[in-house]
Amino acid sequence: MKPLYVVGTQRDVGKTTFCIGLIRAFQKRGLSVGYTKPLGQRVSSVAGQPVHDDALVVSQAMGTDADHPSSMVVPLTQGRVEKEIYDLHVPELTEKVTSVCRRLRDEYDAVVVEGMGHVAMGSCLKLSSAEVARSMGARALLISGGGIGRAIDDISLCATFLTARGADLMGAVVNKVWPEKFNRVKDATTKGLDNLGIRSYGTVPYEDMLVSPTIRQVVAQLDCAMLCGDNALDNRVGAFIVAAMEPDHMVSYLKDRVLVITPGDRSDNILAVLSTHVLEAEKNPVAGIVLTGGFRPPSKVINLLAGSGLPAILCREHTYTLATKLKNMTFKITPQDTERIDTAICLVEEYADVDGILAGMKE
């Protein structure tokens, strides 16, 4: 069975979550599955070995040790790319990458390889997804974001890049499709890809859970301090709101696990959030509160916050600076985020053509 090389048309189209779901679907069919993400930039150290952060998440979902062959063999840490450009070691780096795949193929029934952000990443070292997939003898599966025209165009462009450089393209999956447009997008993209001679292996709907961080993840990304509520760090955030309006107007926005961003000296807004949190607790209106400007509320307000159990985060940045930063952040799944991992597994099993992908790996 040939390895499967999963690559995105762009960054953040859901490659890792798709890999998680696909691997578990393979395992449910009685197959042992190996996984690797051999190149990348976000690097952690496990047992003294470099491992991509996404590989840690996938290993957790698979129930395997993260320091297995999923170790990153070409960590592209800061400064390395520039150095390699002036002194290319293409055969050596390619051998490192392909040797990992060979070991996995010897040990497992199926092998899933996750590429970097998009198909062309790594081209500066002659290690784009096309070169890597070709050297591994893998079949490439493109993952695209949702939409109709843009999804088809992106897949067409990336498919041309892959095949022009000798990669074996299996087909594509359209991911993160808005539920209210799902049937239209599924029918149109399947037909549009067929017009291009590209097989569709599924259309997967957008799921809020997969982009909803926990308070713990927000704190880690913002590098802020917890004022209180450490026991509620796993609260799931449904949305962000900036509480710049008067309290009586703000309360209408407190629903569906919002994270409220307000200056720390706006005691009126803080107390309105607390009241809603207590009075409508069964509806989970508020996930937490971010106090901006470095302002600490009065001690009486802090005591009320602490007594409520609501997590409160203290940040030095101004309200709109912080709100803009949050809006532009991507909250990746973490190894501990079992809720999102389980959601990814269910989505792929239900909406992707898992058996068709397996059959394609045998061609």
Protein backbone atom coordinates (compact mmCIF):
# COMPACT_ATOMS: atom_id res chain seq x y z
CA MET A 1 0.00 0.00 0.00
CA LYS A 2 1.39 3.40 -0.97
CA PRO A 3 1.82 6.10 1.69
CA LEU A 4 -0.75 8.91 1.73
CA TYR A 5 0.69 12.42 1.62
CA VAL A 6 -1.85 14.92 3.01
CA VAL A 7 -1.17 18.47 1.88
CA GLY A 8 -3.11 21.72 2.03
CA THR A 9 -3.89 24.20 -0.71
CA GLN A 10 -3.19 26.88 1.90
CA ARG A 11 -2.29 27.14 5.56
CA ASP A 12 -4.88 26.34 8.20
CA VAL A 13 -7.27 24.38 5.99
CA GLY A 14 -7.50 21.56 8.55
CA LYS A 15 -4.79 19.07 7.54
CA THR A 16 -3.98 17.93 11.07
CA THR A 17 -7.60 17.45 12.10
CA PHE A 18 -8.25 15.55 8.87
CA CYS A 19 -5.21 13.32 9.50
CA ILE A 20 -6.49 12.55 13.00
CA GLY A 21 -9.91 11.55 11.73
CA LEU A 22 -8.52 9.55 8.84
CA ILE A 23 -6.04 7.62 10.98
CA ARG A 24 -8.72 6.65 13.47
CA ALA A 25 -11.01 5.62 10.61
CA PHE A 26 -8.23 3.39 9.22
CA GLN A 27 -7.70 1.90 12.68
CA LYS A 28 -11.42 1.12 12.97
CA ARG A 29 -11.04 -0.90 9.79
CA GLY A 30 -8.43 -3.07 11.45
CA LEU A 31 -5.32 -1.43 10.02
CA SER A 32 -2.21 -0.45 11.92
CA VAL A 33 -1.28 3.10 10.95
CA GLY A 34 2.00 4.99 10.99
CA TYR A 35 2.19 8.78 10.87
CA THR A 36 4.92 11.34 10.36
CA LYS A 37 5.30 15.05 9.75
CA PRO A 38 8.95 15.09 8.74
CA LEU A 39 9.37 18.81 7.94
CA GLY A 40 8.07 21.87 9.71
CA GLN A 41 8.69 25.01 11.69
CA ARG A 42 6.80 24.63 14.99
CA VAL A 43 9.12 22.35 16.91
CA SER A 44 8.95 20.83 20.40
CA SER A 45 11.40 18.49 22.07
CA VAL A 46 10.29 15.03 23.21
CA ALA A 47 12.87 12.72 24.79
CA GLY A 48 15.56 14.93 23.31
CA GLN A 49 14.18 14.60 19.76
CA PRO A 50 12.58 17.37 17.65
CA VAL A 51 8.87 16.74 17.09
CA HIS A 52 6.41 18.96 15.25
CA ASP A 53 3.63 20.31 17.48
CA ASP A 54 1.02 18.80 15.14
CA ALA A 55 2.69 15.39 15.49
CA LEU A 56 2.21 15.58 19.26
CA VAL A 57 -1.51 16.07 18.73
CA VAL A 58 -1.79 13.24 16.21
CA SER A 59 0.23 10.89 18.41
CA GLN A 60 -2.11 11.61 21.31
CA ALA A 61 -5.13 10.87 19.13
CA MET A 62 -3.52 7.65 17.88
CA GLY A 63 -2.58 6.54 21.37
CA THR A 64 1.12 6.23 20.48
CA ASP A 65 4.28 7.79 21.81
CA ALA A 66 5.12 11.10 20.15
CA ASP A 67 8.83 10.27 19.97
CA HIS A 68 8.22 7.29 17.65
CA PRO A 69 9.13 7.80 13.93
CA SER A 70 6.87 10.86 13.95
CA SER A 71 10.02 12.69 15.06
CA MET A 72 10.80 15.61 12.74
CA VAL A 73 13.85 14.76 10.66
CA VAL A 74 14.20 18.22 9.06
CA PRO A 75 13.23 20.85 11.65
CA LEU A 76 13.20 24.21 9.89
CA THR A 77 14.01 26.34 12.91
CA GLN A 78 14.68 30.06 12.61
CA GLY A 79 17.68 30.79 10.44
CA ARG A 80 18.07 27.29 9.03
CA VAL A 81 16.32 27.95 5.73
CA GLU A 82 18.54 30.92 4.90
CA LYS A 83 21.63 28.89 5.75
CA GLU A 84 20.51 25.90 3.65
CA ILE A 85 19.76 28.08 0.62
CA TYR A 86 23.44 28.97 0.38
CA ASP A 87 24.59 25.41 0.99
CA LEU A 88 21.94 22.97 -0.28
CA HIS A 89 22.02 19.37 0.92
CA VAL A 90 19.07 18.10 -1.10
CA PRO A 91 20.07 14.40 -1.43
CA GLU A 92 20.94 14.17 2.26
CA LEU A 93 17.73 15.85 3.45
CA THR A 94 15.59 13.86 1.02
CA GLU A 95 17.12 10.62 2.26
CA LYS A 96 16.37 11.57 5.87
CA VAL A 97 12.73 12.17 4.99
CA THR A 98 12.26 9.06 2.86
CA SER A 99 14.04 6.78 5.33
CA VAL A 100 11.40 7.61 7.95
CA CYS A 101 8.68 6.66 5.49
CA ARG A 102 10.45 3.38 4.62
CA ARG A 103 10.63 2.40 8.30
CA LEU A 104 6.97 3.17 8.79
CA ARG A 105 5.98 1.17 5.71
CA ASP A 106 7.87 -1.83 7.04
CA GLU A 107 6.09 -1.61 10.39
CA TYR A 108 2.52 -0.54 9.58
CA ASP A 109 -0.29 -1.48 7.20
CA ALA A 110 -0.88 2.14 6.17
CA VAL A 111 1.23 5.29 6.42
CA VAL A 112 -0.08 8.87 6.60
CA VAL A 113 2.41 11.69 5.97
CA GLU A 114 1.39 15.27 6.74
CA GLY A 115 2.93 18.02 4.65
CA MET A 116 3.80 21.57 5.64
CA GLY A 117 1.40 24.50 5.30
CA HIS A 118 0.78 24.36 1.54
CA VAL A 119 2.11 22.54 -1.51
CA ALA A 120 4.94 24.94 -2.33
CA MET A 121 6.38 25.25 1.17
CA GLY A 122 9.87 23.79 1.20
CA SER A 123 10.51 24.67 -2.45
CA CYS A 124 13.37 26.91 -1.32
CA LEU A 125 15.19 23.71 -0.28
CA LYS A 126 13.83 21.63 -3.17
CA LEU A 127 11.66 19.87 -0.60
CA SER A 128 8.17 21.00 -1.57
CA SER A 129 5.26 18.63 -1.05
CA ALA A 130 5.66 17.52 -4.65
CA GLU A 131 9.32 16.54 -4.26
CA VAL A 132 8.74 14.84 -0.92
CA ALA A 133 5.65 12.91 -2.06
CA ARG A 134 7.47 11.79 -5.22
CA SER A 135 10.56 10.63 -3.32
CA MET A 136 8.37 8.65 -0.90
CA GLY A 137 6.34 7.03 -3.64
CA ALA A 138 3.26 8.46 -1.93
CA ARG A 139 -0.12 9.42 -3.33
CA ALA A 140 -1.01 13.06 -2.61
CA LEU A 141 -4.40 14.10 -1.22
CA LEU A 142 -5.16 17.82 -1.31
CA ILE A 143 -7.17 19.46 1.48
CA SER A 144 -8.87 22.73 0.56
CA GLY A 145 -10.87 25.28 2.50
CA GLY A 146 -14.59 25.70 1.85
CA GLY A 147 -16.35 27.58 -0.93
CA ILE A 148 -17.04 26.76 -4.57
CA GLY A 149 -15.04 28.81 -7.06
CA ARG A 150 -12.12 29.48 -4.75
CA ALA A 151 -11.89 25.86 -3.59
CA ILE A 152 -11.90 24.51 -7.15
CA ASP A 153 -9.39 27.13 -8.32
CA ASP A 154 -7.05 26.48 -5.38
CA ILE A 155 -7.19 22.73 -5.92
CA SER A 156 -6.58 23.16 -9.65
CA LEU A 157 -3.54 25.37 -9.05
CA CYS A 158 -2.05 23.04 -6.45
CA ALA A 159 -2.80 19.93 -8.52
CA THR A 160 -0.91 21.48 -11.43
CA PHE A 161 2.05 22.22 -9.17
CA LEU A 162 2.11 18.68 -7.77
CA THR A 163 1.81 16.85 -11.08
CA ALA A 164 4.25 19.17 -12.86
CA ARG A 165 6.90 18.16 -10.33
CA GLY A 166 6.18 14.47 -10.62
CA ALA A 167 3.90 13.82 -7.65
CA ASP A 168 1.09 11.26 -7.90
CA LEU A 169 -2.16 13.12 -7.20
CA MET A 170 -4.95 10.99 -5.79
CA GLY A 171 -7.61 13.69 -5.44
CA ALA A 172 -8.97 16.29 -3.06
CA VAL A 173 -11.20 16.96 -0.06
CA VAL A 174 -13.06 20.23 0.45
CA ASN A 175 -13.02 21.07 4.15
CA LYS A 176 -14.64 23.64 6.47
CA VAL A 177 -17.81 24.16 4.42
CA TRP A 178 -20.48 26.32 6.07
CA PRO A 179 -23.35 23.98 7.10
CA GLU A 180 -26.05 26.20 5.58
CA LYS A 181 -24.32 25.94 2.18
CA PHE A 182 -23.16 22.35 2.52
CA ASN A 183 -25.29 20.60 -0.10
CA ARG A 184 -24.71 23.32 -2.72
CA VAL A 185 -20.96 23.35 -2.15
CA LYS A 186 -20.71 19.57 -2.11
CA ASP A 187 -22.56 19.16 -5.42
CA ALA A 188 -20.78 22.05 -7.15
CA THR A 189 -17.24 21.22 -6.05
CA THR A 190 -17.65 17.52 -6.82
CA LYS A 191 -18.83 18.39 -10.34
CA GLY A 192 -16.24 21.16 -10.75
CA LEU A 193 -13.37 18.88 -9.76
CA ASP A 194 -14.69 16.14 -12.03
CA ASN A 195 -14.60 18.66 -14.89
CA LEU A 196 -10.88 19.03 -14.19
CA GLY A 197 -10.28 15.29 -13.97
CA ILE A 198 -9.74 15.44 -10.19
CA ARG A 199 -11.60 13.05 -7.94
CA SER A 200 -13.39 14.33 -4.85
CA TYR A 201 -12.90 12.24 -1.73
CA GLY A 202 -15.39 14.11 0.37
CA THR A 203 -16.82 17.41 1.54
CA VAL A 204 -16.53 18.13 5.26
CA PRO A 205 -18.63 20.77 7.03
CA TYR A 206 -17.28 23.57 9.19
CA GLU A 207 -17.62 22.75 12.88
CA ASP A 208 -17.41 25.50 15.53
CA MET A 209 -15.87 23.09 18.01
CA LEU A 210 -12.75 22.69 15.89
CA VAL A 211 -11.94 26.41 16.05
CA SER A 212 -13.11 27.05 19.62
CA PRO A 213 -10.19 27.37 22.04
CA THR A 214 -10.23 26.81 25.76
CA ILE A 215 -9.35 29.56 28.23
CA ARG A 216 -6.08 27.68 28.80
CA GLN A 217 -5.19 28.02 25.11
CA VAL A 218 -6.12 31.71 25.06
CA VAL A 219 -3.88 32.40 28.07
CA ALA A 220 -0.99 30.52 26.45
CA GLN A 221 -1.35 32.42 23.16
CA LEU A 222 -1.69 35.84 24.79
CA ASP A 223 1.03 35.29 27.37
CA CYS A 224 -1.16 36.99 29.98
CA ALA A 225 -1.66 36.29 33.68
CA MET A 226 -4.59 34.58 35.37
CA LEU A 227 -6.22 36.83 37.94
CA CYS A 228 -8.53 34.08 39.22
CA GLY A 229 -10.54 31.08 38.05
CA ASP A 230 -7.69 28.61 37.52
CA ASN A 231 -10.12 25.72 37.98
CA ALA A 232 -12.06 26.78 34.88
CA LEU A 233 -9.18 26.90 32.38
CA ASP A 234 -10.85 24.24 30.26
CA ASN A 235 -13.93 26.40 29.63
CA ARG A 236 -14.60 26.38 25.89
CA VAL A 237 -14.80 29.80 24.16
CA GLY A 238 -17.62 30.15 21.65
CA ALA A 239 -16.96 33.76 20.59
CA PHE A 240 -15.20 36.97 21.57
CA ILE A 241 -16.90 40.30 22.31
CA VAL A 242 -15.45 43.70 23.12
CA ALA A 243 -17.48 45.24 25.95
CA ALA A 244 -17.06 48.88 24.97
CA MET A 245 -20.77 49.71 25.33
CA GLU A 246 -22.78 50.42 28.46
CA PRO A 247 -23.64 47.37 30.63
CA ASP A 248 -27.35 47.36 29.77
CA HIS A 249 -26.46 47.04 26.09
CA MET A 250 -23.64 44.58 26.67
CA VAL A 251 -25.69 41.93 28.46
CA SER A 252 -27.64 41.10 25.28
CA TYR A 253 -24.36 39.77 23.80
CA LEU A 254 -23.62 37.48 26.72
CA LYS A 255 -24.55 34.07 25.34
CA ASP A 256 -23.03 30.91 23.92
CA ARG A 257 -19.81 30.88 26.00
CA VAL A 258 -18.45 34.31 25.04
CA LEU A 259 -15.09 35.57 26.19
CA VAL A 260 -15.63 39.18 27.24
CA ILE A 261 -12.84 41.70 26.59
CA THR A 262 -13.13 44.85 28.68
CA PRO A 263 -10.81 47.34 30.41
CA GLY A 264 -9.92 46.28 33.93
CA ASP A 265 -11.21 49.58 35.34
CA ARG A 266 -14.74 49.07 33.96
CA SER A 267 -16.21 47.66 37.15
CA ASP A 268 -19.73 48.23 35.79
CA ASN A 269 -19.15 45.86 32.89
CA ILE A 270 -17.36 43.33 35.08
CA LEU A 271 -20.27 43.24 37.54
CA ALA A 272 -22.79 42.90 34.69
CA VAL A 273 -20.83 39.90 33.36
CA LEU A 274 -20.75 38.37 36.83
CA SER A 275 -24.48 38.83 37.30
CA THR A 276 -25.27 37.17 33.96
CA HIS A 277 -22.85 34.35 34.71
CA VAL A 278 -24.56 33.63 38.04
CA LEU A 279 -28.20 34.17 37.01
CA GLU A 280 -28.00 32.22 33.73
CA ALA A 281 -25.38 29.64 34.69
CA GLU A 282 -27.29 26.75 33.12
CA LYS A 283 -27.04 28.47 29.70
CA ASN A 284 -23.24 28.92 29.92
CA PRO A 285 -23.42 32.51 28.65
CA VAL A 286 -19.84 33.45 29.58
CA ALA A 287 -16.62 31.44 29.24
CA GLY A 288 -14.40 34.03 30.87
CA ILE A 289 -13.34 37.65 30.97
CA VAL A 290 -10.18 39.41 29.77
CA LEU A 291 -9.27 42.59 31.67
CA THR A 292 -7.17 44.88 29.51
CA GLY A 293 -4.92 47.92 29.97
CA GLY A 294 -3.13 46.33 32.93
CA PHE A 295 -5.85 47.72 35.22
CA ARG A 296 -6.69 45.64 38.27
CA PRO A 297 -10.29 45.98 39.44
CA PRO A 298 -10.99 47.07 43.02
CA SER A 299 -10.40 44.37 45.62
CA LYS A 300 -14.14 43.91 46.23
CA VAL A 301 -14.69 43.21 42.52
CA ILE A 302 -11.73 40.81 42.44
CA ASN A 303 -13.21 38.94 45.42
CA LEU A 304 -16.54 38.63 43.60
CA LEU A 305 -14.77 37.35 40.51
CA ALA A 306 -12.85 34.79 42.53
CA GLY A 307 -16.00 33.64 44.30
CA SER A 308 -17.89 33.17 41.04
CA GLY A 309 -15.38 30.68 39.62
CA LEU A 310 -15.33 32.63 36.35
CA PRO A 311 -11.82 32.72 34.85
CA ALA A 312 -10.42 36.25 34.63
CA ILE A 313 -7.31 37.07 32.60
CA LEU A 314 -5.26 40.22 33.23
CA CYS A 315 -3.46 41.71 30.21
CA ARG A 316 -1.40 44.86 29.80
CA GLU A 317 -2.43 45.51 26.21
CA HIS A 318 -5.21 47.90 25.30
CA THR A 319 -8.66 46.52 24.51
CA TYR A 320 -8.71 46.92 20.75
CA THR A 321 -5.09 45.84 20.31
CA LEU A 322 -5.81 42.65 22.18
CA ALA A 323 -9.15 42.06 20.43
CA THR A 324 -7.46 42.39 17.02
CA LYS A 325 -4.77 39.95 18.09
CA LEU A 326 -7.37 37.39 19.20
CA LYS A 327 -9.32 37.79 15.97
CA ASN A 328 -6.24 36.94 13.91
CA MET A 329 -5.10 34.00 16.01
CA THR A 330 -5.42 30.37 14.94
CA PHE A 331 -5.90 28.03 17.88
CA LYS A 332 -4.45 24.68 16.90
CA ILE A 333 -5.69 21.48 18.51
CA THR A 334 -3.49 20.47 21.43
CA PRO A 335 -2.77 16.91 22.64
CA GLN A 336 -4.97 17.51 25.71
CA ASP A 337 -7.93 18.77 23.70
CA THR A 338 -9.81 15.47 23.55
CA GLU A 339 -13.12 17.16 22.80
CA ARG A 340 -11.87 18.63 19.53
CA ILE A 341 -9.98 15.45 18.67
CA ASP A 342 -13.18 13.41 19.04
CA THR A 343 -15.06 15.91 16.88
CA ALA A 344 -12.45 15.63 14.11
CA ILE A 345 -12.71 11.84 14.18
CA CYS A 346 -16.50 11.90 13.84
CA LEU A 347 -16.46 14.42 10.98
CA VAL A 348 -13.99 12.50 8.83
CA GLU A 349 -15.72 9.17 9.41
CA GLU A 350 -19.07 10.64 8.39
CA TYR A 351 -18.17 12.94 5.50
CA ALA A 352 -14.95 11.68 3.90
CA ASP A 353 -14.73 8.75 1.49
CA VAL A 354 -12.45 6.74 3.75
CA ASP A 355 -12.83 3.47 1.83
CA GLY A 356 -12.18 5.28 -1.44
CA ILE A 357 -8.97 6.77 -0.02
CA LEU A 358 -7.84 3.34 1.12
CA ALA A 359 -8.57 1.90 -2.32
CA GLY A 360 -6.59 4.76 -3.89
CA MET A 361 -3.60 3.99 -1.70
CA LYS A 362 -3.60 0.44 -3.12
CA GLU A 363 -3.57 1.58 -6.77
